[in-house]
């Protein structure tokens, strides 16, 4: 095994599976074969490891449904060796991959759930981008050769429409670098699907703004600071601030509702109050802050991740602005619920945890993979080039695993938190990026009060 003590986003900790025989392990990531070896890659750290055949079967059978003792029994029978020997040989690999955040454990088997069509789908139309943002979860840059062509896009849109998907968030990369972007957007709008464009705003000219207005689209534009130098450094492209600001103004002038979205980091947190005032002055419809998560390109810039106590200060400021009610609308913020009294009801151990990814929305990547969100790129999942979207939504093991997560799976302080019924542990992707999907949330200021 290849290992490192200095993996971006890695949280060290001890783990033992000596008493985990009745628990259910899940290894959800791709396994590639080369000759007589199998290869796995940690999507957070990027480190690769080699497996022999027995290790391959151990991870393949760790499917979120079989309990560890059942997996051991199957391997024991296949290889005609004792269960004790199988268990003893499995321990080092399982413990290592658990510490790396690649094997997840629950007490219960996953269930398959019947949910209606997602309200919205975030669809990465391309991996290509004209910027190189430090935080980019998909490490956007060059176009992928596996991206859906126009006919495949239209076929997928038909599937969305027939299933009842209400909204498409067209993203990337930068979606507007696709030469057929407007044809795709207009086809989807023609099928009765609401369109939102998640864009960096630099490619918006008057014609583009008018064309988006003509299909009643709305836009979320990434804008990180009232200071051009700060924004341009984060987006790694001189002059991008000016182009983005101009793009926002053109959209507003054309009547396109705009959400201004800022990823909060150590380099712009002090600028956010002034950015909020700028959003007011510009006339955007909604102001939104997003936490930085060290994944994708962001894993190489983990110094940008904000301490929870500092994010609490910023969230409190914006919460007060929201309560005053005389400015731009502020989108819901992570852990904002802790500024209000906790609910009176007791926590039900069966309460779902995590966001609504795989429940009311999902992501389709630029190459067609279906995920709860982009932070789980690298998982072994289905592709819309091979399966109908509705079939994937209903039958995906990965999506149904997320639907099966519940409060009893959470470890640490969150278990006894009075706000857990409301926040539901919040973003499990942030936890994943820090090495333990079921830990108490690494961004919560209640969890980290002693920092």
Protein backbone atom coordinates (compact mmCIF):
# COMPACT_ATOMS: atom_id res chain seq x y z
CA UNK A 1 0.00 0.00 0.00
CA UNK A 2 1.09 3.55 -0.73
CA UNK A 3 0.47 5.88 2.18
CA UNK A 4 1.32 9.34 3.41
CA UNK A 5 1.08 11.22 6.67
CA UNK A 6 0.60 14.53 4.85
CA UNK A 7 -2.44 14.05 2.67
CA UNK A 8 -4.48 17.24 2.09
CA UNK A 9 -7.78 16.97 3.91
CA UNK A 10 -6.71 13.91 5.90
CA UNK A 11 -7.79 13.62 9.52
CA UNK A 12 -5.66 11.16 11.49
CA UNK A 13 -7.26 8.74 13.92
CA UNK A 14 -7.23 5.17 15.18
CA UNK A 15 -9.66 2.50 14.05
CA UNK A 16 -10.03 -1.19 14.82
CA UNK A 17 -12.36 -3.71 13.18
CA UNK A 18 -11.88 -6.39 15.84
CA UNK A 19 -15.52 -5.97 16.93
CA UNK A 20 -16.99 -4.99 13.57
CA UNK A 21 -18.01 -8.41 12.29
CA UNK A 22 -21.71 -7.57 12.54
CA UNK A 23 -21.25 -4.18 10.83
CA UNK A 24 -21.64 -3.40 7.14
CA UNK A 25 -18.60 -2.09 5.22
CA UNK A 26 -18.95 -0.17 1.97
CA UNK A 27 -16.17 0.48 -0.51
CA UNK A 28 -17.87 2.68 -3.12
CA UNK A 29 -14.96 3.53 -5.41
CA UNK A 30 -13.81 2.32 -8.80
CA UNK A 31 -11.44 -0.63 -9.06
CA UNK A 32 -9.42 -0.86 -12.28
CA UNK A 33 -7.59 -3.98 -13.46
CA UNK A 34 -4.14 -4.16 -15.02
CA UNK A 35 -2.99 -7.72 -15.80
CA UNK A 36 -3.14 -9.64 -12.51
CA UNK A 37 -3.33 -6.56 -10.32
CA UNK A 38 -6.20 -4.28 -9.39
CA UNK A 39 -5.79 -0.55 -8.77
CA UNK A 40 -7.73 1.81 -6.53
CA UNK A 41 -7.36 5.56 -6.20
CA UNK A 42 -8.22 7.75 -3.23
CA UNK A 43 -10.28 10.56 -4.78
CA UNK A 44 -9.34 12.97 -1.98
CA UNK A 45 -5.57 12.47 -1.84
CA UNK A 46 -5.04 11.12 -5.35
CA UNK A 47 -2.88 8.27 -4.01
CA UNK A 48 -3.09 4.92 -5.80
CA UNK A 49 -2.78 1.43 -4.31
CA UNK A 50 -2.39 -2.04 -5.79
CA UNK A 51 -4.54 -5.00 -4.79
CA UNK A 52 -4.16 -8.73 -5.27
CA UNK A 53 -7.14 -10.91 -6.22
CA UNK A 54 -8.22 -11.68 -2.65
CA UNK A 55 -8.14 -7.99 -1.71
CA UNK A 56 -10.15 -7.18 -4.84
CA UNK A 57 -12.90 -9.58 -3.77
CA UNK A 58 -12.85 -8.25 -0.21
CA UNK A 59 -13.58 -4.73 -1.47
CA UNK A 60 -15.96 -5.86 -4.19
CA UNK A 61 -18.08 -7.67 -1.61
CA UNK A 62 -17.98 -4.62 0.69
CA UNK A 63 -21.09 -3.34 -1.04
CA UNK A 64 -22.99 -1.64 1.77
CA UNK A 65 -25.33 -4.61 2.09
CA UNK A 66 -23.24 -7.58 3.21
CA UNK A 67 -22.05 -7.66 6.80
CA UNK A 68 -18.37 -8.25 7.41
CA UNK A 69 -18.89 -11.77 8.78
CA UNK A 70 -20.84 -12.66 5.61
CA UNK A 71 -18.03 -11.34 3.41
CA UNK A 72 -15.48 -13.33 5.38
CA UNK A 73 -17.61 -16.47 5.04
CA UNK A 74 -17.89 -16.06 1.24
CA UNK A 75 -14.15 -15.58 0.78
CA UNK A 76 -13.42 -18.46 3.14
CA UNK A 77 -15.62 -20.76 1.09
CA UNK A 78 -14.17 -19.61 -2.25
CA UNK A 79 -10.51 -19.88 -1.24
CA UNK A 80 -10.98 -22.87 1.11
CA UNK A 81 -9.22 -21.28 4.06
CA UNK A 82 -10.51 -20.70 7.58
CA UNK A 83 -12.69 -17.75 8.42
CA UNK A 84 -10.19 -16.69 11.08
CA UNK A 85 -7.38 -16.53 8.55
CA UNK A 86 -9.55 -14.56 6.13
CA UNK A 87 -10.52 -12.13 8.86
CA UNK A 88 -6.94 -11.71 10.07
CA UNK A 89 -5.68 -11.08 6.53
CA UNK A 90 -8.49 -8.58 5.88
CA UNK A 91 -7.82 -6.45 8.94
CA UNK A 92 -4.78 -4.44 7.70
CA UNK A 93 -6.40 -3.45 4.41
CA UNK A 94 -9.78 -2.57 5.89
CA UNK A 95 -8.26 -0.57 8.72
CA UNK A 96 -5.96 1.29 6.33
CA UNK A 97 -8.76 2.16 3.90
CA UNK A 98 -11.07 3.15 6.75
CA UNK A 99 -8.45 5.57 8.06
CA UNK A 100 -8.15 6.94 4.51
CA UNK A 101 -11.92 7.50 4.37
CA UNK A 102 -12.43 4.94 1.60
CA UNK A 103 -14.32 2.25 3.52
CA UNK A 104 -17.50 3.41 5.23
CA UNK A 105 -19.19 1.50 8.08
CA UNK A 106 -22.82 1.31 9.21
CA UNK A 107 -24.62 -1.02 11.58
CA UNK A 108 -27.44 -1.57 9.10
CA UNK A 109 -27.61 -2.67 5.48
CA UNK A 110 -28.49 -0.13 2.84
CA UNK A 111 -32.08 -0.06 1.64
CA UNK A 112 -33.49 0.72 -1.77
CA UNK A 113 -35.93 3.60 -1.71
CA UNK A 114 -38.59 4.82 -4.10
CA UNK A 115 -38.33 8.58 -4.50
CA UNK A 116 -40.05 10.86 -7.01
CA UNK A 117 -38.02 12.56 -9.71
CA UNK A 118 -35.47 15.02 -8.38
CA UNK A 119 -36.65 18.61 -8.24
CA UNK A 120 -33.38 19.70 -9.76
CA UNK A 121 -30.32 18.25 -11.48
CA UNK A 122 -26.95 19.99 -11.51
CA UNK A 123 -25.52 19.07 -14.88
CA UNK A 124 -21.89 19.71 -15.74
CA UNK A 125 -22.13 20.30 -19.47
CA UNK A 126 -18.36 20.37 -19.84
CA UNK A 127 -15.11 20.04 -17.90
CA UNK A 128 -13.63 22.90 -19.91
CA UNK A 129 -13.20 26.29 -18.28
CA UNK A 130 -11.65 29.62 -19.19
CA UNK A 131 -10.51 30.18 -15.58
CA UNK A 132 -8.51 28.03 -13.17
CA UNK A 133 -10.13 28.63 -9.79
CA UNK A 134 -8.17 27.46 -6.76
CA UNK A 135 -11.14 25.73 -5.16
CA UNK A 136 -12.62 23.97 -8.21
CA UNK A 137 -14.14 20.67 -7.09
CA UNK A 138 -13.91 19.17 -10.59
CA UNK A 139 -10.44 20.57 -11.37
CA UNK A 140 -11.90 22.10 -14.52
CA UNK A 141 -9.61 23.07 -17.37
CA UNK A 142 -9.56 21.08 -20.59
CA UNK A 143 -12.53 19.54 -22.36
CA UNK A 144 -13.02 15.85 -21.65
CA UNK A 145 -13.23 13.51 -24.67
CA UNK A 146 -16.07 11.66 -22.92
CA UNK A 147 -18.46 14.61 -22.72
CA UNK A 148 -21.98 14.18 -24.05
CA UNK A 149 -22.49 15.43 -27.59
CA UNK A 150 -25.51 17.51 -28.59
CA UNK A 151 -27.71 14.55 -29.55
CA UNK A 152 -26.86 12.78 -26.28
CA UNK A 153 -27.68 15.98 -24.39
CA UNK A 154 -31.08 16.22 -26.06
CA UNK A 155 -31.81 12.57 -25.33
CA UNK A 156 -30.95 13.10 -21.68
CA UNK A 157 -33.13 16.23 -21.54
CA UNK A 158 -36.02 14.17 -22.91
CA UNK A 159 -35.46 11.67 -20.10
CA UNK A 160 -35.43 14.47 -17.52
CA UNK A 161 -38.64 15.95 -18.91
CA UNK A 162 -40.47 12.63 -19.17
CA UNK A 163 -39.48 11.72 -15.60
CA UNK A 164 -40.61 15.09 -14.21
CA UNK A 165 -37.35 16.86 -13.36
CA UNK A 166 -38.32 20.47 -12.71
CA UNK A 167 -35.04 22.36 -13.00
CA UNK A 168 -31.63 22.01 -14.60
CA UNK A 169 -28.63 23.85 -13.18
CA UNK A 170 -26.25 24.00 -16.13
CA UNK A 171 -22.71 24.07 -14.82
CA UNK A 172 -19.20 22.91 -15.66
CA UNK A 173 -16.38 23.79 -15.91
CA UNK A 174 -17.81 26.91 -17.44
CA UNK A 175 -20.96 25.81 -19.29
CA UNK A 176 -20.95 28.75 -21.67
CA UNK A 177 -17.68 27.68 -23.30
CA UNK A 178 -19.65 24.93 -25.07
CA UNK A 179 -20.37 26.07 -28.62
CA UNK A 180 -23.84 24.51 -28.41
CA UNK A 181 -24.62 25.85 -24.91
CA UNK A 182 -27.59 27.94 -25.98
CA UNK A 183 -28.98 25.18 -28.19
CA UNK A 184 -28.88 22.78 -25.20
CA UNK A 185 -30.42 25.35 -22.84
CA UNK A 186 -33.13 26.29 -25.31
CA UNK A 187 -34.01 22.66 -26.00
CA UNK A 188 -34.41 22.02 -22.26
CA UNK A 189 -36.52 25.15 -21.83
CA UNK A 190 -38.66 24.01 -24.73
CA UNK A 191 -39.36 20.80 -22.83
CA UNK A 192 -40.73 22.86 -19.94
CA UNK A 193 -37.69 22.61 -17.65
CA UNK A 194 -36.60 25.67 -15.68
CA UNK A 195 -33.01 26.68 -16.43
CA UNK A 196 -30.40 28.07 -14.07
CA UNK A 197 -26.88 28.75 -15.32
CA UNK A 198 -24.02 28.41 -12.84
CA UNK A 199 -21.35 30.57 -14.44
CA UNK A 200 -18.27 32.63 -13.71
CA UNK A 201 -19.92 35.42 -15.69
CA UNK A 202 -16.94 36.33 -17.82
CA UNK A 203 -18.56 35.22 -21.09
CA UNK A 204 -21.80 37.15 -20.62
CA UNK A 205 -22.28 39.84 -23.23
CA UNK A 206 -25.46 41.72 -24.10
CA UNK A 207 -26.54 39.09 -26.62
CA UNK A 208 -25.99 36.22 -24.19
CA UNK A 209 -27.92 38.01 -21.45
CA UNK A 210 -30.85 38.65 -23.79
CA UNK A 211 -30.85 35.06 -24.97
CA UNK A 212 -30.97 33.76 -21.38
CA UNK A 213 -33.79 36.17 -20.62
CA UNK A 214 -35.73 34.87 -23.62
CA UNK A 215 -35.95 31.38 -22.07
CA UNK A 216 -36.72 32.75 -18.57
CA UNK A 217 -33.43 31.43 -17.22
CA UNK A 218 -31.87 32.56 -13.97
CA UNK A 219 -28.16 32.69 -13.20
CA UNK A 220 -25.84 32.00 -10.28
CA UNK A 221 -22.62 33.94 -10.79
CA UNK A 222 -19.45 33.30 -8.80
CA UNK A 223 -18.10 36.56 -7.38
CA UNK A 224 -15.74 36.39 -4.44
CA UNK A 225 -14.75 39.89 -3.38
CA UNK A 226 -15.41 43.58 -3.93
CA UNK A 227 -11.66 43.80 -4.56
CA UNK A 228 -10.55 42.89 -8.06
CA UNK A 229 -7.13 41.68 -6.92
CA UNK A 230 -8.61 39.19 -4.41
CA UNK A 231 -11.13 37.78 -6.86
CA UNK A 232 -8.58 37.52 -9.66
CA UNK A 233 -6.08 35.74 -7.41
CA UNK A 234 -8.69 33.19 -6.36
CA UNK A 235 -9.85 32.66 -9.95
CA UNK A 236 -6.24 32.73 -11.19
CA UNK A 237 -7.06 34.97 -14.13
CA UNK A 238 -6.20 38.70 -14.28
CA UNK A 239 -9.13 40.82 -15.35
CA UNK A 240 -11.79 38.25 -14.46
CA UNK A 241 -13.32 40.47 -11.74
CA UNK A 242 -14.11 43.24 -14.19
CA UNK A 243 -15.60 40.83 -16.73
CA UNK A 244 -17.69 39.07 -14.07
CA UNK A 245 -19.03 42.35 -12.67
CA UNK A 246 -19.94 43.49 -16.17
CA UNK A 247 -21.63 40.13 -16.86
CA UNK A 248 -23.75 40.46 -13.71
CA UNK A 249 -24.81 43.98 -14.70
CA UNK A 250 -25.79 42.84 -18.19
CA UNK A 251 -27.85 39.96 -16.81
CA UNK A 252 -29.70 42.25 -14.41
CA UNK A 253 -30.32 44.78 -17.18
CA UNK A 254 -31.81 42.01 -19.33
CA UNK A 255 -34.14 40.93 -16.52
CA UNK A 256 -32.36 37.68 -15.63
CA UNK A 257 -32.62 36.95 -11.86
CA UNK A 258 -29.08 36.72 -10.48
CA UNK A 259 -27.73 34.94 -7.42
CA UNK A 260 -24.31 36.23 -6.44
CA UNK A 261 -22.38 33.30 -4.93
CA UNK A 262 -19.15 33.69 -2.96
CA UNK A 263 -16.96 30.82 -1.82
CA UNK A 264 -15.69 31.90 1.61
CA UNK A 265 -11.97 31.39 2.24
CA UNK A 266 -9.21 32.77 4.41
CA UNK A 267 -8.33 35.31 1.71
CA UNK A 268 -11.77 36.87 1.24
CA UNK A 269 -13.69 36.35 4.51
CA UNK A 270 -13.03 39.91 5.66
CA UNK A 271 -14.38 41.20 2.33
CA UNK A 272 -17.75 39.44 2.46
CA UNK A 273 -19.66 42.18 4.36
CA UNK A 274 -18.61 44.72 1.72
CA UNK A 275 -19.43 42.21 -1.03
CA UNK A 276 -22.92 41.93 0.45
CA UNK A 277 -23.28 45.71 0.21
CA UNK A 278 -22.03 45.61 -3.39
CA UNK A 279 -24.64 42.93 -4.15
CA UNK A 280 -27.28 45.29 -2.77
CA UNK A 281 -26.00 48.16 -4.88
CA UNK A 282 -25.91 46.04 -8.04
CA UNK A 283 -29.48 44.82 -7.59
CA UNK A 284 -28.95 41.04 -7.57
CA UNK A 285 -31.86 38.95 -6.38
CA UNK A 286 -30.01 36.66 -3.92
CA UNK A 287 -26.71 36.66 -2.05
CA UNK A 288 -25.19 33.27 -1.22
CA UNK A 289 -22.10 32.13 0.65
CA UNK A 290 -20.55 28.70 0.20
CA UNK A 291 -17.95 26.98 2.40
CA UNK A 292 -14.61 26.02 0.91
CA UNK A 293 -14.10 22.23 0.84
CA UNK A 294 -10.60 20.91 0.03
CA UNK A 295 -11.51 18.62 -2.85
CA UNK A 296 -10.56 18.56 -6.52
CA UNK A 297 -8.11 21.39 -7.17
CA UNK A 298 -8.96 22.67 -3.71
CA UNK A 299 -7.05 19.85 -2.02
CA UNK A 300 -3.85 21.62 -3.04
CA UNK A 301 -5.00 24.85 -1.38
CA UNK A 302 -6.31 23.58 1.95
CA UNK A 303 -4.90 26.68 3.66
CA UNK A 304 -7.95 28.46 2.22
CA UNK A 305 -10.33 26.53 4.49
CA UNK A 306 -11.83 28.75 7.15
CA UNK A 307 -11.89 27.98 10.88
CA UNK A 308 -15.49 27.23 12.00
CA UNK A 309 -15.34 30.02 14.60
CA UNK A 310 -14.61 32.59 11.89
CA UNK A 311 -17.37 31.24 9.67
CA UNK A 312 -19.71 31.57 12.65
CA UNK A 313 -18.88 35.28 12.93
CA UNK A 314 -19.60 35.84 9.25
CA UNK A 315 -22.79 33.78 9.32
CA UNK A 316 -23.98 35.71 12.39
CA UNK A 317 -23.40 39.00 10.56
CA UNK A 318 -25.39 37.88 7.53
CA UNK A 319 -28.09 36.33 9.73
CA UNK A 320 -28.60 39.73 11.36
CA UNK A 321 -28.81 41.35 7.93
CA UNK A 322 -31.39 38.79 6.92
CA UNK A 323 -33.50 39.50 10.02
CA UNK A 324 -33.37 43.22 9.32
CA UNK A 325 -35.08 42.36 6.04
CA UNK A 326 -34.25 45.50 4.09
CA UNK A 327 -31.51 44.21 1.82
CA UNK A 328 -30.91 41.61 -0.84
CA UNK A 329 -32.31 38.16 -0.11
CA UNK A 330 -29.74 35.95 1.63
CA UNK A 331 -29.82 32.22 0.83
CA UNK A 332 -29.94 29.73 3.74
CA UNK A 333 -26.53 29.29 5.35
CA UNK A 334 -24.90 26.21 6.85
CA UNK A 335 -25.54 25.88 10.61
CA UNK A 336 -27.58 29.08 10.62
CA UNK A 337 -30.17 27.11 12.58
CA UNK A 338 -27.96 27.30 15.71
CA UNK A 339 -28.80 31.02 16.04
CA UNK A 340 -32.40 30.02 16.86
CA UNK A 341 -33.69 27.85 19.73
CA UNK A 342 -33.41 24.11 19.04
CA UNK A 343 -36.55 22.15 18.16
CA UNK A 344 -38.59 20.69 20.98
CA UNK A 345 -38.94 17.22 19.48
CA UNK A 346 -36.55 14.45 20.48
CA UNK A 347 -34.18 13.08 17.89
CA UNK A 348 -35.36 10.00 16.04
CA UNK A 349 -32.46 7.63 15.37
CA UNK A 350 -33.96 7.00 11.92
CA UNK A 351 -33.77 10.70 10.94
CA UNK A 352 -31.94 11.06 7.62
CA UNK A 353 -28.60 12.82 7.75
CA UNK A 354 -26.84 14.88 5.14
CA UNK A 355 -28.15 17.28 2.53
CA UNK A 356 -30.83 16.47 -0.02
CA UNK A 357 -28.36 15.07 -2.57
CA UNK A 358 -29.88 11.79 -3.89
CA UNK A 359 -33.22 12.89 -2.40
CA UNK A 360 -34.43 15.99 -4.22
CA UNK A 361 -31.45 16.68 -6.47
CA UNK A 362 -28.33 15.07 -7.89
CA UNK A 363 -25.39 15.78 -10.19
CA UNK A 364 -24.69 14.52 -13.69
CA UNK A 365 -20.99 14.94 -14.45
CA UNK A 366 -19.59 16.09 -17.78
CA UNK A 367 -18.93 12.47 -18.78
CA UNK A 368 -22.42 11.33 -17.73
CA UNK A 369 -21.94 9.85 -14.27
CA UNK A 370 -24.75 10.32 -11.73
CA UNK A 371 -23.70 11.37 -8.21
CA UNK A 372 -25.34 12.91 -5.13
CA UNK A 373 -22.91 15.81 -5.71
CA UNK A 374 -19.57 16.47 -7.36
CA UNK A 375 -17.58 15.92 -4.18
CA UNK A 376 -17.95 12.18 -4.67
CA UNK A 377 -16.28 12.01 -8.05
CA UNK A 378 -14.33 8.76 -8.25
CA UNK A 379 -17.16 6.59 -6.94
CA UNK A 380 -18.19 3.51 -8.92
CA UNK A 381 -21.52 4.74 -10.28
CA UNK A 382 -23.80 4.43 -13.29
CA UNK A 383 -23.57 6.53 -16.44
CA UNK A 384 -26.42 8.05 -18.47
CA UNK A 385 -24.68 6.87 -21.64
CA UNK A 386 -25.36 3.30 -20.53
CA UNK A 387 -28.53 3.48 -18.43
CA UNK A 388 -31.74 5.51 -18.51
CA UNK A 389 -31.66 8.35 -15.95
CA UNK A 390 -34.83 7.20 -14.21
CA UNK A 391 -33.42 3.67 -13.86
CA UNK A 392 -30.26 5.11 -12.30
CA UNK A 393 -32.25 7.35 -9.95
CA UNK A 394 -34.24 4.35 -8.72
CA UNK A 395 -31.57 1.66 -8.69
CA UNK A 396 -28.17 3.24 -8.08
CA UNK A 397 -26.49 1.58 -5.11
CA UNK A 398 -24.53 4.75 -4.40
CA UNK A 399 -27.60 7.02 -4.39
CA UNK A 400 -29.53 4.57 -2.24
CA UNK A 401 -26.66 4.37 0.23
CA UNK A 402 -27.00 8.12 0.79
CA UNK A 403 -30.74 7.72 1.19
CA UNK A 404 -30.06 5.09 3.86
CA UNK A 405 -27.79 7.28 6.03
CA UNK A 406 -29.43 8.18 9.33
CA UNK A 407 -28.74 9.81 12.68
CA UNK A 408 -27.59 6.58 14.31
CA UNK A 409 -24.66 6.50 11.85
CA UNK A 410 -23.22 9.80 13.11
CA UNK A 411 -20.29 9.71 15.52
CA UNK A 412 -19.20 12.15 18.21
CA UNK A 413 -20.80 15.36 19.47
CA UNK A 414 -23.49 15.45 16.78
CA UNK A 415 -25.20 12.42 18.34
CA UNK A 416 -26.33 14.48 21.32
CA UNK A 417 -26.83 17.82 19.57
CA UNK A 418 -30.23 19.47 19.99
CA UNK A 419 -30.06 20.89 16.45
CA UNK A 420 -29.36 17.59 14.68
CA UNK A 421 -33.05 17.11 13.71
CA UNK A 422 -32.77 20.40 11.75
CA UNK A 423 -29.25 20.46 10.30
CA UNK A 424 -29.12 16.64 9.86
CA UNK A 425 -25.34 16.75 10.20
CA UNK A 426 -25.18 19.08 7.17
CA UNK A 427 -22.64 18.47 4.39
CA UNK A 428 -21.22 14.94 4.57
CA UNK A 429 -18.98 15.79 1.59
CA UNK A 430 -16.93 18.09 3.82
CA UNK A 431 -16.49 15.20 6.23
CA UNK A 432 -15.50 12.92 3.35
CA UNK A 433 -12.82 15.39 2.31
CA UNK A 434 -11.50 15.19 5.86
CA UNK A 435 -11.31 11.41 6.01
CA UNK A 436 -14.49 10.27 7.80
CA UNK A 437 -17.90 10.67 6.22
CA UNK A 438 -19.73 9.90 9.48
CA UNK A 439 -17.74 12.12 11.84
CA UNK A 440 -19.41 15.07 13.54
CA UNK A 441 -19.36 17.82 10.96
CA UNK A 442 -15.90 19.32 10.58
CA UNK A 443 -17.32 22.75 9.68
CA UNK A 444 -19.74 23.07 12.60
CA UNK A 445 -18.76 25.64 15.24
CA UNK A 446 -20.57 23.66 17.95
CA UNK A 447 -18.36 20.65 17.21
CA UNK A 448 -15.25 22.82 17.17
CA UNK A 449 -15.98 25.17 20.08
CA UNK A 450 -12.62 24.42 21.69
CA UNK A 451 -10.52 25.33 18.65
